[in-house]
């Protein structure tokens, strides 16, 4: 009995010694990447052990143990998103440009690059209106050669397909950037994997790991800015109301094969990645959005856009026009 007690007492010391040996003599580069990055290992393991994770809890919420609210309006929480409303898109665009320039400046100051995630839909057209306008001063210069663009979601289609978010952004913005402003580094999906969206998601997550965790292991990538849209059902990225992906907490990028909006096969950033951005911007315009905007800002109910609001709080800014927020009872303003 005494021998067993002595052995058990020494066991923690032995284990600590082994761990210290590895720390001293095994270079991190010799450790497989998937074991350095916990979320990446979880993403791979989920292929063999598929489960539905527990509800998301956000470290950016008022309490680190508090889960996203499913039934209370945002105004009752400890912080609020910013709702900006303009008469039309032409009036909205200059303020959106200023906001992006501020995020660019902060990103360049932090790590000499500007890491952005972009959605599709009508967003690229509005971005083009904001970003392709001539600069009126040196402070307004966009340094596209410092930009690193990822897609907040992408459809499993060829890059020249009309449903491709890359194709849309390329046509509306990338192909029109003046040469003197440089060209951004754009991360597209691997089109060799169109028939295997799980592998496509894993490969795209590797791109994030290489960009955000090349030197140090990190739990989540932190984008300087996420530029998002809002669907008429309250979805954003390819995170749809009621879908199990809203509860994904391990992967950075997840596949979806049953999107209620075609095409069915896609990949998407997960909710924790979206809500941990330094800045999170939504662009929602047109009278067709007013009913869903009421639900997002007044009804709670667990809509994806609502969950982003609740997870990002005052790091979230909505750029809207007057028709989109008609009848919405939420504080708004017309400038940053």
Foldseek 3Di string as FASTA:
>chain_A
DVVVVVVVVCVVVVVVVVVVCCVPPPDPVPPDPCVQAVLLVVLVVCVVVPDQFDADAFPQFPHSPDGFDQWAFPVPGPFFAAEAAAAALLLLQQQVLVVVLVLQVVVCVVPNAAEEEEEADCVLQSPLSNLVPDDPDPSSQAQQCRYEYEYQKFFLDDCCDPRGRNNRNCVRPQVRDDPVSPHHHYDDFDNVCSVPLSVRQSVVLVVQCCVQPVPHHDQERAGSEYEWEADLQGDIHQDFPPDSLQRDDRHQKGWFQCRPDPPRTMIHGGLNRQLRYQAYEYEYEDLSQQVVLQCLRGTRRPRSNVSSRSSNGHSYYYRYYCSNNVPRPDDHHHHD
